[in-house]
């Protein structure tokens, strides 16, 4: 039976020290690897050994014009040493997103999601996703391409109708960042749409639920079954 974590900090997630000379979590100069802000995690998420691709982490650096001023010199130096195709503890990325939420807000997180999609997923998606259906049913596959571990959550489609769909997210990533990712993926597939959120873990829900709508109801939306 899956243990439920109603409220948690990021303690208890993957705790491996980042590699390649990155500052360790216990270093007092490093304020981002040990976040103190309490953040709810989705129902069923345990995150044992949860690791993420470096390209996801590099999306943070890519959207900041003056990263030293937002993240500090030590954190910025750590980010510059990240390799896009290597694996890093998810807790680092989660903490970075919390810092972005605090310093650049909603639109900064949306921009991060769009950038993350382009850096990690766009090239792979070109061969498989040519409609909104392909994108939404492919979200879980995209997630598992860039994340590994046990009980790390995922994505599932709850409803798919002409011009409207609902998807459920049980990943620990910031929901606004994911909103930007979905928007970018829909545009890349040739079916731009509007992505809103109906339920949110941060507001007490068990999972985040996104509503996706589009003016397209033809093959650009439905593709081939």
N, C-alpha and C. Protein backbone atom coordinates (compact mmCIF):
# COMPACT_ATOMS: atom_id res chain seq x y z
N UNK A 1 0.85 -1.20 0.00
CA UNK A 1 0.00 0.00 0.00
C UNK A 1 0.88 1.24 0.00
N UNK A 2 0.56 2.20 -0.85
CA UNK A 2 1.36 3.41 -0.97
C UNK A 2 1.17 4.31 0.24
N UNK A 3 2.25 4.75 0.81
CA UNK A 3 2.19 5.67 1.94
C UNK A 3 1.82 7.06 1.46
N UNK A 4 0.95 7.73 2.17
CA UNK A 4 0.55 9.07 1.80
C UNK A 4 1.37 10.08 2.58
N UNK A 5 1.85 11.10 1.87
CA UNK A 5 2.64 12.16 2.50
C UNK A 5 1.85 13.45 2.39
N UNK A 6 1.03 13.77 3.37
CA UNK A 6 0.19 14.96 3.24
C UNK A 6 0.95 16.25 3.20
N UNK A 7 2.04 16.35 3.96
CA UNK A 7 2.84 17.56 3.98
C UNK A 7 4.29 17.16 4.15
N UNK A 8 5.16 17.84 3.42
CA UNK A 8 6.56 17.47 3.51
C UNK A 8 7.43 18.61 3.06
N UNK A 9 8.66 18.64 3.56
CA UNK A 9 9.67 19.46 2.92
C UNK A 9 10.31 18.58 1.88
N UNK A 10 11.39 19.03 1.26
CA UNK A 10 12.06 18.20 0.28
C UNK A 10 12.99 17.21 0.94
N UNK A 11 13.11 17.22 2.27
CA UNK A 11 13.90 16.20 2.94
C UNK A 11 13.25 14.85 2.69
N UNK A 12 14.06 13.82 2.52
CA UNK A 12 13.53 12.50 2.27
C UNK A 12 13.48 12.15 0.80
N UNK A 13 13.67 13.13 -0.08
CA UNK A 13 13.81 12.83 -1.49
C UNK A 13 15.25 12.39 -1.73
N UNK A 14 15.60 12.21 -2.99
CA UNK A 14 16.96 11.76 -3.30
C UNK A 14 17.99 12.62 -2.60
N UNK A 15 18.92 11.99 -1.90
CA UNK A 15 19.86 12.75 -1.07
C UNK A 15 21.29 12.62 -1.56
N UNK A 16 21.51 12.02 -2.72
CA UNK A 16 22.88 11.92 -3.21
C UNK A 16 23.45 13.31 -3.42
N UNK A 17 24.73 13.48 -3.10
CA UNK A 17 25.37 14.77 -3.34
C UNK A 17 25.55 14.97 -4.83
N UNK A 18 25.27 16.15 -5.34
CA UNK A 18 25.54 16.43 -6.75
C UNK A 18 27.01 16.18 -7.06
N UNK A 19 27.27 15.74 -8.28
CA UNK A 19 28.63 15.38 -8.66
C UNK A 19 29.35 16.55 -9.29
N UNK A 20 30.56 16.26 -9.76
CA UNK A 20 31.37 17.23 -10.51
C UNK A 20 31.65 18.50 -9.72
N UNK A 21 31.99 18.35 -8.47
CA UNK A 21 32.46 19.51 -7.71
C UNK A 21 31.39 20.43 -7.22
N UNK A 22 30.11 20.05 -7.30
CA UNK A 22 29.06 20.92 -6.81
C UNK A 22 29.12 21.01 -5.29
N UNK A 23 28.69 22.13 -4.76
CA UNK A 23 28.73 22.34 -3.32
C UNK A 23 27.78 21.36 -2.65
N UNK A 24 28.17 20.73 -1.56
CA UNK A 24 27.34 19.76 -0.88
C UNK A 24 26.25 20.45 -0.08
N UNK A 25 25.20 19.68 0.22
CA UNK A 25 24.03 20.27 0.85
C UNK A 25 24.33 20.82 2.22
N UNK A 26 25.33 20.27 2.94
CA UNK A 26 25.57 20.76 4.29
C UNK A 26 26.45 22.00 4.32
N UNK A 27 26.93 22.46 3.17
CA UNK A 27 27.76 23.66 3.12
C UNK A 27 26.90 24.86 3.50
N UNK A 28 27.27 25.62 4.53
CA UNK A 28 26.44 26.74 4.96
C UNK A 28 26.30 27.84 3.93
N UNK A 29 27.20 27.88 2.92
CA UNK A 29 27.08 28.90 1.88
C UNK A 29 25.96 28.58 0.91
N UNK A 30 25.50 27.34 0.92
CA UNK A 30 24.59 26.87 -0.12
C UNK A 30 23.18 26.86 0.41
N UNK A 31 22.37 27.80 -0.04
CA UNK A 31 21.04 27.96 0.53
C UNK A 31 19.94 27.26 -0.27
N UNK A 32 20.28 26.67 -1.43
CA UNK A 32 19.21 26.13 -2.26
C UNK A 32 19.05 24.62 -2.18
N UNK A 33 20.08 23.89 -1.80
CA UNK A 33 19.94 22.44 -1.76
C UNK A 33 19.23 21.94 -0.51
N UNK A 34 19.02 22.81 0.46
CA UNK A 34 18.32 22.41 1.67
C UNK A 34 17.19 23.38 1.95
N UNK A 35 16.15 23.39 1.12
CA UNK A 35 15.06 24.34 1.29
C UNK A 35 14.31 24.08 2.58
N UNK A 36 13.81 25.15 3.19
CA UNK A 36 13.08 25.02 4.43
C UNK A 36 11.59 25.27 4.26
N UNK A 37 11.20 25.82 3.12
CA UNK A 37 9.79 26.09 2.88
C UNK A 37 9.02 24.76 2.76
N UNK A 38 7.95 24.62 3.53
CA UNK A 38 7.15 23.40 3.45
C UNK A 38 6.32 23.42 2.18
N UNK A 39 6.41 22.34 1.43
CA UNK A 39 5.68 22.22 0.19
C UNK A 39 5.02 20.85 0.15
N UNK A 40 3.71 20.80 -0.11
CA UNK A 40 3.02 19.53 -0.18
C UNK A 40 3.50 18.76 -1.41
N UNK A 41 3.53 17.46 -1.25
CA UNK A 41 3.86 16.58 -2.37
C UNK A 41 2.61 15.82 -2.78
N UNK A 42 2.52 15.42 -4.04
CA UNK A 42 1.31 14.73 -4.50
C UNK A 42 1.07 13.41 -3.77
N UNK A 43 -0.18 13.01 -3.70
CA UNK A 43 -0.56 11.74 -3.09
C UNK A 43 0.16 10.59 -3.79
N UNK A 44 0.81 9.73 -3.02
CA UNK A 44 1.49 8.58 -3.58
C UNK A 44 2.93 8.81 -3.98
N UNK A 45 3.37 10.06 -4.00
CA UNK A 45 4.75 10.34 -4.38
C UNK A 45 5.69 10.06 -3.21
N UNK A 46 6.68 9.18 -3.45
CA UNK A 46 7.71 8.91 -2.44
C UNK A 46 9.09 9.37 -2.91
N UNK A 47 9.36 9.26 -4.19
CA UNK A 47 10.59 9.80 -4.75
C UNK A 47 11.86 9.09 -4.33
N UNK A 48 11.80 7.78 -4.15
CA UNK A 48 13.01 7.04 -3.78
C UNK A 48 14.02 7.08 -4.93
N UNK A 49 15.19 7.62 -4.65
CA UNK A 49 16.24 7.69 -5.67
C UNK A 49 15.87 8.54 -6.86
N UNK A 50 15.02 9.51 -6.67
CA UNK A 50 14.55 10.33 -7.80
C UNK A 50 15.67 11.23 -8.31
N UNK A 51 16.00 11.05 -9.57
CA UNK A 51 17.04 11.83 -10.23
C UNK A 51 16.47 12.47 -11.49
N UNK A 52 17.07 13.58 -11.91
CA UNK A 52 16.61 14.29 -13.10
C UNK A 52 17.78 14.58 -14.03
N UNK A 53 17.50 14.69 -15.32
CA UNK A 53 18.55 15.02 -16.28
C UNK A 53 19.06 16.44 -16.07
N UNK A 54 20.35 16.62 -16.32
CA UNK A 54 20.95 17.94 -16.17
C UNK A 54 20.34 19.00 -17.06
N UNK A 55 19.82 18.59 -18.23
CA UNK A 55 19.21 19.58 -19.13
C UNK A 55 18.01 20.26 -18.48
N UNK A 56 17.28 19.55 -17.63
CA UNK A 56 16.17 20.17 -16.91
C UNK A 56 16.68 21.25 -15.96
N UNK A 57 17.76 20.95 -15.27
CA UNK A 57 18.34 21.92 -14.33
C UNK A 57 18.89 23.13 -15.08
N UNK A 58 19.49 22.89 -16.24
CA UNK A 58 20.07 23.99 -17.01
C UNK A 58 19.03 24.96 -17.53
N UNK A 59 17.76 24.54 -17.59
CA UNK A 59 16.70 25.45 -18.00
C UNK A 59 16.58 26.63 -17.05
N UNK A 60 16.90 26.42 -15.78
CA UNK A 60 16.87 27.51 -14.81
C UNK A 60 17.89 28.58 -15.20
N UNK A 61 19.09 28.15 -15.50
CA UNK A 61 20.15 29.09 -15.88
C UNK A 61 19.81 29.80 -17.18
N UNK A 62 19.16 29.09 -18.09
CA UNK A 62 18.88 29.65 -19.41
C UNK A 62 17.90 30.82 -19.38
N UNK A 63 17.02 30.87 -18.39
CA UNK A 63 16.00 31.93 -18.40
C UNK A 63 16.42 33.16 -17.61
N UNK A 64 17.53 33.09 -16.90
CA UNK A 64 17.94 34.21 -16.04
C UNK A 64 19.02 35.05 -16.73
N UNK A 65 18.76 36.34 -16.86
CA UNK A 65 19.75 37.25 -17.45
C UNK A 65 20.89 37.52 -16.48
N UNK A 66 20.57 37.62 -15.20
CA UNK A 66 21.57 37.88 -14.17
C UNK A 66 21.44 36.84 -13.08
N UNK A 67 21.86 35.61 -13.35
CA UNK A 67 21.65 34.54 -12.37
C UNK A 67 22.35 34.77 -11.04
N UNK A 68 23.50 35.45 -11.05
CA UNK A 68 24.20 35.72 -9.80
C UNK A 68 23.33 36.51 -8.83
N UNK A 69 22.55 37.43 -9.36
CA UNK A 69 21.72 38.27 -8.50
C UNK A 69 20.52 37.52 -7.94
N UNK A 70 20.04 36.53 -8.68
CA UNK A 70 18.87 35.76 -8.23
C UNK A 70 19.28 34.58 -7.36
N UNK A 71 20.31 33.86 -7.79
CA UNK A 71 20.69 32.61 -7.14
C UNK A 71 21.91 32.71 -6.25
N UNK A 72 22.71 33.74 -6.46
CA UNK A 72 23.97 33.85 -5.74
C UNK A 72 25.12 33.28 -6.57
N UNK A 73 26.33 33.69 -6.25
CA UNK A 73 27.50 33.30 -7.04
C UNK A 73 27.79 31.81 -6.93
N UNK A 74 27.64 31.25 -5.73
CA UNK A 74 27.96 29.84 -5.53
C UNK A 74 27.01 28.95 -6.33
N UNK A 75 25.72 29.22 -6.22
CA UNK A 75 24.75 28.41 -6.94
C UNK A 75 24.91 28.55 -8.44
N UNK A 76 25.18 29.75 -8.91
CA UNK A 76 25.37 29.96 -10.34
C UNK A 76 26.59 29.18 -10.84
N UNK A 77 27.66 29.19 -10.07
CA UNK A 77 28.84 28.41 -10.45
C UNK A 77 28.52 26.92 -10.50
N UNK A 78 27.72 26.44 -9.55
CA UNK A 78 27.31 25.04 -9.56
C UNK A 78 26.52 24.71 -10.82
N UNK A 79 25.60 25.58 -11.18
CA UNK A 79 24.78 25.33 -12.36
C UNK A 79 25.62 25.28 -13.63
N UNK A 80 26.64 26.12 -13.70
CA UNK A 80 27.47 26.15 -14.91
C UNK A 80 28.27 24.87 -15.09
N UNK A 81 28.39 24.06 -14.06
CA UNK A 81 29.13 22.81 -14.18
C UNK A 81 28.24 21.61 -14.49
N UNK A 82 26.93 21.83 -14.59
CA UNK A 82 26.00 20.74 -14.86
C UNK A 82 26.14 20.26 -16.30
N UNK A 83 26.11 18.95 -16.48
CA UNK A 83 26.15 18.35 -17.81
C UNK A 83 24.74 17.94 -18.23
N UNK A 84 24.30 18.30 -19.42
CA UNK A 84 22.90 18.09 -19.79
C UNK A 84 22.45 16.64 -19.81
N UNK A 85 23.36 15.70 -20.09
CA UNK A 85 22.96 14.30 -20.20
C UNK A 85 23.34 13.47 -18.99
N UNK A 86 23.68 14.10 -17.86
CA UNK A 86 23.96 13.37 -16.64
C UNK A 86 22.81 13.55 -15.65
N UNK A 87 22.80 12.69 -14.61
CA UNK A 87 21.70 12.65 -13.66
C UNK A 87 22.08 13.34 -12.36
N UNK A 88 21.09 14.08 -11.79
CA UNK A 88 21.29 14.84 -10.56
C UNK A 88 20.07 14.65 -9.64
N UNK A 89 20.26 14.81 -8.33
CA UNK A 89 19.13 14.65 -7.41
C UNK A 89 18.00 15.64 -7.69
N UNK A 90 16.78 15.14 -7.69
CA UNK A 90 15.62 15.98 -7.98
C UNK A 90 15.48 17.12 -6.98
N UNK A 91 15.93 16.90 -5.75
CA UNK A 91 15.75 17.92 -4.71
C UNK A 91 16.44 19.23 -5.08
N UNK A 92 17.49 19.16 -5.88
CA UNK A 92 18.16 20.38 -6.32
C UNK A 92 17.27 21.18 -7.26
N UNK A 93 16.69 20.48 -8.25
CA UNK A 93 15.80 21.16 -9.19
C UNK A 93 14.56 21.72 -8.48
N UNK A 94 13.99 20.96 -7.56
CA UNK A 94 12.81 21.44 -6.84
C UNK A 94 13.13 22.70 -6.05
N UNK A 95 14.29 22.72 -5.43
CA UNK A 95 14.67 23.91 -4.66
C UNK A 95 14.90 25.11 -5.57
N UNK A 96 15.48 24.87 -6.74
CA UNK A 96 15.68 25.96 -7.69
C UNK A 96 14.34 26.55 -8.15
N UNK A 97 13.36 25.69 -8.36
CA UNK A 97 12.05 26.18 -8.77
C UNK A 97 11.39 26.99 -7.66
N UNK A 98 11.58 26.60 -6.42
CA UNK A 98 11.05 27.40 -5.32
C UNK A 98 11.72 28.78 -5.27
N UNK A 99 13.01 28.81 -5.58
CA UNK A 99 13.72 30.09 -5.61
C UNK A 99 13.20 30.96 -6.76
N UNK A 100 12.94 30.35 -7.92
CA UNK A 100 12.37 31.11 -9.03
C UNK A 100 10.99 31.64 -8.67
N UNK A 101 10.20 30.82 -8.01
CA UNK A 101 8.87 31.25 -7.59
C UNK A 101 8.96 32.50 -6.72
N UNK A 102 9.94 32.52 -5.85
CA UNK A 102 10.11 33.65 -4.93
C UNK A 102 10.64 34.89 -5.64
N UNK A 103 11.55 34.70 -6.59
CA UNK A 103 12.27 35.85 -7.16
C UNK A 103 11.72 36.34 -8.51
N UNK A 104 11.23 35.43 -9.35
CA UNK A 104 10.76 35.86 -10.67
C UNK A 104 9.29 35.54 -10.90
N UNK A 105 8.69 34.74 -10.02
CA UNK A 105 7.25 34.55 -10.02
C UNK A 105 6.67 33.71 -11.15
N UNK A 106 5.38 33.90 -11.34
CA UNK A 106 4.57 33.07 -12.24
C UNK A 106 5.13 33.04 -13.66
N UNK A 107 5.40 34.22 -14.23
CA UNK A 107 5.83 34.26 -15.63
C UNK A 107 7.24 33.71 -15.81
N UNK A 108 8.08 33.83 -14.80
CA UNK A 108 9.40 33.23 -14.86
C UNK A 108 9.32 31.72 -14.88
N UNK A 109 8.41 31.14 -14.09
CA UNK A 109 8.23 29.69 -14.08
C UNK A 109 7.62 29.19 -15.38
N UNK A 110 6.68 29.95 -15.94
CA UNK A 110 6.15 29.59 -17.25
C UNK A 110 7.27 29.55 -18.29
N UNK A 111 8.12 30.56 -18.27
CA UNK A 111 9.24 30.62 -19.22
C UNK A 111 10.20 29.46 -19.01
N UNK A 112 10.41 29.08 -17.75
CA UNK A 112 11.26 27.92 -17.48
C UNK A 112 10.67 26.66 -18.10
N UNK A 113 9.35 26.47 -17.97
CA UNK A 113 8.72 25.28 -18.53
C UNK A 113 8.87 25.22 -20.05
N UNK A 114 8.68 26.36 -20.70
CA UNK A 114 8.84 26.39 -22.16
C UNK A 114 10.29 26.09 -22.55
N UNK A 115 11.22 26.66 -21.79
CA UNK A 115 12.63 26.45 -22.08
C UNK A 115 13.04 25.01 -21.81
N UNK A 116 12.56 24.45 -20.71
CA UNK A 116 12.87 23.06 -20.39
C UNK A 116 12.38 22.13 -21.49
N UNK A 117 11.19 22.38 -22.00
CA UNK A 117 10.68 21.55 -23.09
C UNK A 117 11.61 21.60 -24.29
N UNK A 118 12.04 22.79 -24.67
CA UNK A 118 12.90 22.94 -25.84
C UNK A 118 14.25 22.26 -25.63
N UNK A 119 14.79 22.36 -24.42
CA UNK A 119 16.13 21.82 -24.15
C UNK A 119 16.14 20.31 -23.99
N UNK A 120 15.06 19.74 -23.43
CA UNK A 120 15.06 18.32 -23.09
C UNK A 120 14.20 17.47 -24.01
N UNK A 121 13.09 17.99 -24.50
CA UNK A 121 12.09 17.13 -25.15
C UNK A 121 11.79 17.44 -26.61
N UNK A 122 12.01 18.65 -27.08
CA UNK A 122 11.48 19.04 -28.38
C UNK A 122 11.99 18.17 -29.52
N UNK A 123 13.28 17.90 -29.56
CA UNK A 123 13.83 17.11 -30.66
C UNK A 123 13.26 15.71 -30.68
N UNK A 124 13.13 15.08 -29.51
CA UNK A 124 12.56 13.74 -29.44
C UNK A 124 11.09 13.74 -29.84
N UNK A 125 10.37 14.78 -29.48
CA UNK A 125 8.94 14.82 -29.71
C UNK A 125 8.58 14.99 -31.18
N UNK A 126 9.46 15.61 -31.96
CA UNK A 126 9.17 15.89 -33.36
C UNK A 126 8.78 14.63 -34.13
N UNK A 127 9.40 13.52 -33.76
CA UNK A 127 9.17 12.27 -34.50
C UNK A 127 7.88 11.57 -34.11
N UNK A 128 7.29 11.95 -32.96
CA UNK A 128 6.15 11.17 -32.45
C UNK A 128 4.89 11.98 -32.20
N UNK A 129 4.99 13.28 -32.06
CA UNK A 129 3.84 14.08 -31.63
C UNK A 129 3.45 15.10 -32.69
N UNK A 130 2.30 14.86 -33.32
CA UNK A 130 1.80 15.78 -34.34
C UNK A 130 0.38 16.24 -34.05
N UNK A 131 -0.05 16.08 -32.82
CA UNK A 131 -1.38 16.53 -32.43
C UNK A 131 -1.41 16.71 -30.92
N UNK A 132 -2.47 17.37 -30.44
CA UNK A 132 -2.63 17.53 -29.00
C UNK A 132 -2.78 16.17 -28.32
N UNK A 133 -3.47 15.24 -28.97
CA UNK A 133 -3.61 13.89 -28.40
C UNK A 133 -2.24 13.27 -28.13
N UNK A 134 -1.36 13.34 -29.12
CA UNK A 134 -0.02 12.77 -28.95
C UNK A 134 0.72 13.42 -27.80
N UNK A 135 0.58 14.74 -27.69
CA UNK A 135 1.27 15.46 -26.61
C UNK A 135 0.76 15.02 -25.25
N UNK A 136 -0.55 15.06 -25.06
CA UNK A 136 -1.11 14.82 -23.73
C UNK A 136 -0.93 13.36 -23.30
N UNK A 137 -1.14 12.44 -24.23
CA UNK A 137 -0.91 11.04 -23.88
C UNK A 137 0.58 10.70 -23.80
N UNK A 138 1.41 11.60 -24.30
CA UNK A 138 2.85 11.38 -24.24
C UNK A 138 3.55 12.07 -23.09
N UNK A 139 2.80 12.82 -22.25
CA UNK A 139 3.43 13.55 -21.15
C UNK A 139 4.16 12.63 -20.18
N UNK A 140 3.57 11.48 -19.88
CA UNK A 140 4.21 10.57 -18.94
C UNK A 140 5.52 10.02 -19.51
N UNK A 141 5.52 9.74 -20.80
CA UNK A 141 6.75 9.27 -21.43
C UNK A 141 7.84 10.33 -21.42
N UNK A 142 7.45 11.60 -21.67
CA UNK A 142 8.43 12.69 -21.59
C UNK A 142 9.00 12.78 -20.18
N UNK A 143 8.12 12.67 -19.20
CA UNK A 143 8.56 12.76 -17.80
C UNK A 143 9.58 11.67 -17.48
N UNK A 144 9.31 10.46 -17.91
CA UNK A 144 10.21 9.34 -17.58
C UNK A 144 11.49 9.34 -18.40
N UNK A 145 11.49 10.07 -19.50
CA UNK A 145 12.74 10.26 -20.23
C UNK A 145 13.73 11.10 -19.42
N UNK A 146 13.22 12.06 -18.65
CA UNK A 146 14.09 13.00 -17.93
C UNK A 146 14.13 12.76 -16.43
N UNK A 147 13.40 11.75 -15.94
CA UNK A 147 13.36 11.46 -14.51
C UNK A 147 13.42 9.96 -14.29
N UNK A 148 14.14 9.54 -13.25
CA UNK A 148 14.18 8.12 -12.92
C UNK A 148 14.15 7.96 -11.40
N UNK A 149 13.70 6.80 -10.96
CA UNK A 149 13.57 6.52 -9.54
C UNK A 149 12.34 5.68 -9.29
N UNK A 150 12.05 5.43 -8.01
CA UNK A 150 10.92 4.61 -7.62
C UNK A 150 9.81 5.48 -7.03
N UNK A 151 8.59 5.26 -7.48
CA UNK A 151 7.42 6.00 -7.01
C UNK A 151 7.62 7.52 -7.14
N UNK A 152 7.93 7.90 -8.38
CA UNK A 152 8.22 9.31 -8.66
C UNK A 152 7.03 10.05 -9.26
N UNK A 153 5.86 9.43 -9.22
CA UNK A 153 4.69 10.09 -9.78
C UNK A 153 4.68 10.03 -11.29
N UNK A 154 3.77 10.78 -11.90
CA UNK A 154 3.68 10.77 -13.35
C UNK A 154 2.48 11.57 -13.84
N UNK A 155 2.05 11.25 -15.06
CA UNK A 155 0.96 11.95 -15.72
C UNK A 155 -0.05 10.94 -16.23
N UNK A 156 -1.34 11.32 -16.23
CA UNK A 156 -2.35 10.51 -16.91
C UNK A 156 -3.47 11.41 -17.43
N UNK A 157 -4.05 11.00 -18.55
CA UNK A 157 -5.15 11.74 -19.15
C UNK A 157 -6.44 11.30 -18.48
N UNK A 158 -7.18 12.24 -17.94
CA UNK A 158 -8.46 11.94 -17.29
C UNK A 158 -9.63 12.02 -18.26
N UNK A 159 -9.51 12.93 -19.22
CA UNK A 159 -10.61 13.15 -20.16
C UNK A 159 -10.05 13.75 -21.44
N UNK A 160 -10.50 13.23 -22.58
CA UNK A 160 -10.07 13.77 -23.86
C UNK A 160 -11.28 13.84 -24.78
N UNK A 161 -11.73 15.05 -25.08
CA UNK A 161 -12.90 15.30 -25.91
C UNK A 161 -12.52 16.33 -26.98
N UNK A 162 -13.33 16.51 -27.98
CA UNK A 162 -13.01 17.50 -29.03
C UNK A 162 -12.75 18.89 -28.45
N UNK A 163 -11.53 19.36 -28.58
CA UNK A 163 -11.16 20.70 -28.15
C UNK A 163 -10.96 20.88 -26.66
N UNK A 164 -11.11 19.81 -25.87
CA UNK A 164 -10.93 19.96 -24.42
C UNK A 164 -10.45 18.65 -23.81
N UNK A 165 -9.53 18.77 -22.84
CA UNK A 165 -9.01 17.59 -22.15
C UNK A 165 -8.60 17.97 -20.73
N UNK A 166 -8.47 16.96 -19.89
CA UNK A 166 -7.95 17.14 -18.54
C UNK A 166 -6.84 16.13 -18.30
N UNK A 167 -5.76 16.58 -17.70
CA UNK A 167 -4.65 15.70 -17.37
C UNK A 167 -4.30 15.87 -15.89
N UNK A 168 -3.87 14.77 -15.29
CA UNK A 168 -3.51 14.76 -13.87
C UNK A 168 -2.00 14.62 -13.72
N UNK A 169 -1.42 15.43 -12.84
CA UNK A 169 0.02 15.42 -12.58
C UNK A 169 0.28 15.04 -11.13
N UNK A 170 1.09 13.99 -10.92
CA UNK A 170 1.51 13.63 -9.57
C UNK A 170 3.03 13.69 -9.42
N UNK A 171 3.65 14.51 -10.25
CA UNK A 171 5.08 14.75 -10.12
C UNK A 171 5.30 15.84 -9.08
N UNK A 172 6.53 15.96 -8.53
CA UNK A 172 6.78 16.99 -7.51
C UNK A 172 7.12 18.36 -8.08
N UNK A 173 7.23 18.48 -9.39
CA UNK A 173 7.65 19.72 -10.02
C UNK A 173 6.61 20.83 -9.84
N UNK A 174 7.08 22.07 -9.86
CA UNK A 174 6.19 23.21 -9.70
C UNK A 174 5.17 23.21 -10.83
N UNK A 175 3.88 23.33 -10.47
CA UNK A 175 2.82 23.20 -11.46
C UNK A 175 2.85 24.31 -12.52
N UNK A 176 3.28 25.49 -12.18
CA UNK A 176 3.34 26.57 -13.17
C UNK A 176 4.41 26.27 -14.22
N UNK A 177 5.53 25.71 -13.79
CA UNK A 177 6.55 25.30 -14.76
C UNK A 177 5.98 24.27 -15.71
N UNK A 178 5.23 23.29 -15.18
CA UNK A 178 4.63 22.26 -16.02
C UNK A 178 3.59 22.84 -16.98
N UNK A 179 2.90 23.88 -16.55
CA UNK A 179 1.94 24.56 -17.41
C UNK A 179 2.65 25.13 -18.63
N UNK A 180 3.81 25.74 -18.41
CA UNK A 180 4.59 26.27 -19.52
C UNK A 180 5.08 25.18 -20.45
N UNK A 181 5.47 24.03 -19.87
CA UNK A 181 5.94 22.90 -20.68
C UNK A 181 4.83 22.38 -21.59
N UNK A 182 3.62 22.20 -21.04
CA UNK A 182 2.51 21.70 -21.85
C UNK A 182 2.20 22.67 -22.98
N UNK A 183 2.18 23.96 -22.68
CA UNK A 183 1.89 24.97 -23.70
C UNK A 183 2.90 24.91 -24.84
N UNK A 184 4.17 24.79 -24.49
CA UNK A 184 5.22 24.72 -25.52
C UNK A 184 5.10 23.45 -26.34
N UNK A 185 4.76 22.34 -25.71
CA UNK A 185 4.62 21.07 -26.43
C UNK A 185 3.45 21.13 -27.42
N UNK A 186 2.34 21.76 -27.02
CA UNK A 186 1.20 21.89 -27.91
C UNK A 186 1.54 22.74 -29.14
N UNK A 187 2.27 23.82 -28.91
CA UNK A 187 2.68 24.67 -30.03
C UNK A 187 3.59 23.90 -30.97
N UNK A 188 4.53 23.14 -30.41
CA UNK A 188 5.46 22.36 -31.24
C UNK A 188 4.73 21.31 -32.06
N UNK A 189 3.59 20.81 -31.55
CA UNK A 189 2.83 19.79 -32.26
C UNK A 189 1.84 20.41 -33.26
N UNK A 190 1.82 21.74 -33.35
CA UNK A 190 0.94 22.41 -34.31
C UNK A 190 -0.48 22.58 -33.84
N UNK A 191 -0.70 22.47 -32.51
CA UNK A 191 -2.04 22.65 -31.97
C UNK A 191 -1.98 23.50 -30.71
N UNK A 192 -1.75 24.81 -30.87
CA UNK A 192 -1.69 25.66 -29.68
C UNK A 192 -3.00 25.63 -28.91
N UNK A 193 -2.89 25.74 -27.60
CA UNK A 193 -4.08 25.70 -26.76
C UNK A 193 -3.89 26.53 -25.51
N UNK A 194 -4.91 26.59 -24.70
CA UNK A 194 -4.89 27.30 -23.43
C UNK A 194 -4.82 26.27 -22.31
N UNK A 195 -3.87 26.43 -21.41
CA UNK A 195 -3.67 25.50 -20.31
C UNK A 195 -3.98 26.21 -19.00
N UNK A 196 -4.97 25.72 -18.28
CA UNK A 196 -5.31 26.27 -16.97
C UNK A 196 -5.28 25.14 -15.94
N UNK A 197 -5.39 25.52 -14.68
CA UNK A 197 -5.30 24.52 -13.62
C UNK A 197 -6.60 24.51 -12.82
N UNK A 198 -7.19 23.32 -12.67
CA UNK A 198 -8.45 23.17 -11.93
C UNK A 198 -8.22 22.82 -10.47
N UNK A 199 -7.22 22.00 -10.20
CA UNK A 199 -6.87 21.62 -8.84
C UNK A 199 -5.36 21.67 -8.68
N UNK A 200 -4.90 21.94 -7.45
CA UNK A 200 -3.47 22.10 -7.22
C UNK A 200 -3.08 21.50 -5.88
N UNK A 201 -1.98 20.78 -5.88
CA UNK A 201 -1.44 20.19 -4.65
C UNK A 201 -1.13 21.28 -3.63
N UNK A 202 -0.67 22.41 -4.10
CA UNK A 202 -0.30 23.50 -3.21
C UNK A 202 -1.52 24.11 -2.50
N UNK A 203 -2.69 23.83 -3.03
CA UNK A 203 -3.92 24.30 -2.40
C UNK A 203 -4.61 23.21 -1.60
N UNK A 204 -3.96 22.05 -1.47
CA UNK A 204 -4.51 20.97 -0.66
C UNK A 204 -5.03 19.77 -1.41
N UNK A 205 -5.01 19.80 -2.75
CA UNK A 205 -5.49 18.66 -3.54
C UNK A 205 -4.46 17.53 -3.51
N UNK A 206 -4.92 16.32 -3.84
CA UNK A 206 -4.03 15.16 -3.90
C UNK A 206 -3.12 15.19 -5.13
N UNK A 207 -3.56 15.88 -6.17
CA UNK A 207 -2.80 15.96 -7.42
C UNK A 207 -3.16 17.28 -8.11
N UNK A 208 -2.32 17.67 -9.05
CA UNK A 208 -2.62 18.84 -9.88
C UNK A 208 -3.39 18.38 -11.11
N UNK A 209 -4.48 19.07 -11.43
CA UNK A 209 -5.26 18.74 -12.61
C UNK A 209 -5.29 19.95 -13.53
N UNK A 210 -4.85 19.73 -14.78
CA UNK A 210 -4.81 20.78 -15.78
C UNK A 210 -5.94 20.59 -16.78
N UNK A 211 -6.53 21.70 -17.19
CA UNK A 211 -7.54 21.70 -18.25
C UNK A 211 -6.91 22.32 -19.49
N UNK A 212 -6.97 21.59 -20.59
CA UNK A 212 -6.39 22.05 -21.86
C UNK A 212 -7.51 22.25 -22.86
N UNK A 213 -7.60 23.45 -23.42
CA UNK A 213 -8.62 23.73 -24.43
C UNK A 213 -7.96 24.28 -25.68
N UNK A 214 -8.61 24.08 -26.81
CA UNK A 214 -8.06 24.56 -28.08
C UNK A 214 -9.21 24.86 -29.03
N UNK A 215 -8.98 25.83 -29.92
CA UNK A 215 -9.96 26.13 -30.96
C UNK A 215 -9.97 25.04 -32.03
N UNK A 216 -8.95 24.21 -32.06
CA UNK A 216 -8.87 23.13 -33.05
C UNK A 216 -9.58 21.88 -32.54
N UNK A 217 -10.42 21.31 -33.38
CA UNK A 217 -11.07 20.04 -33.06
C UNK A 217 -10.86 19.01 -34.16
N UNK A 218 -10.05 19.36 -35.14
CA UNK A 218 -9.78 18.45 -36.25
C UNK A 218 -8.59 17.56 -35.91
N UNK A 219 -7.86 17.10 -36.94
CA UNK A 219 -6.74 16.20 -36.71
C UNK A 219 -5.59 16.85 -35.96
N UNK A 220 -5.53 18.19 -35.97
CA UNK A 220 -4.49 18.85 -35.19
C UNK A 220 -4.71 18.64 -33.69
N UNK A 221 -5.96 18.44 -33.33
CA UNK A 221 -6.27 18.12 -31.93
C UNK A 221 -6.27 16.61 -31.69
N UNK A 222 -7.00 15.88 -32.51
CA UNK A 222 -7.23 14.46 -32.22
C UNK A 222 -6.18 13.54 -32.81
N UNK A 223 -5.52 13.95 -33.87
CA UNK A 223 -4.54 13.08 -34.50
C UNK A 223 -5.17 11.75 -34.91
N UNK A 224 -4.36 10.69 -34.86
CA UNK A 224 -4.88 9.35 -35.14
C UNK A 224 -4.90 8.57 -33.85
N UNK A 225 -5.95 7.84 -33.62
CA UNK A 225 -6.13 7.08 -32.38
C UNK A 225 -5.13 5.93 -32.33
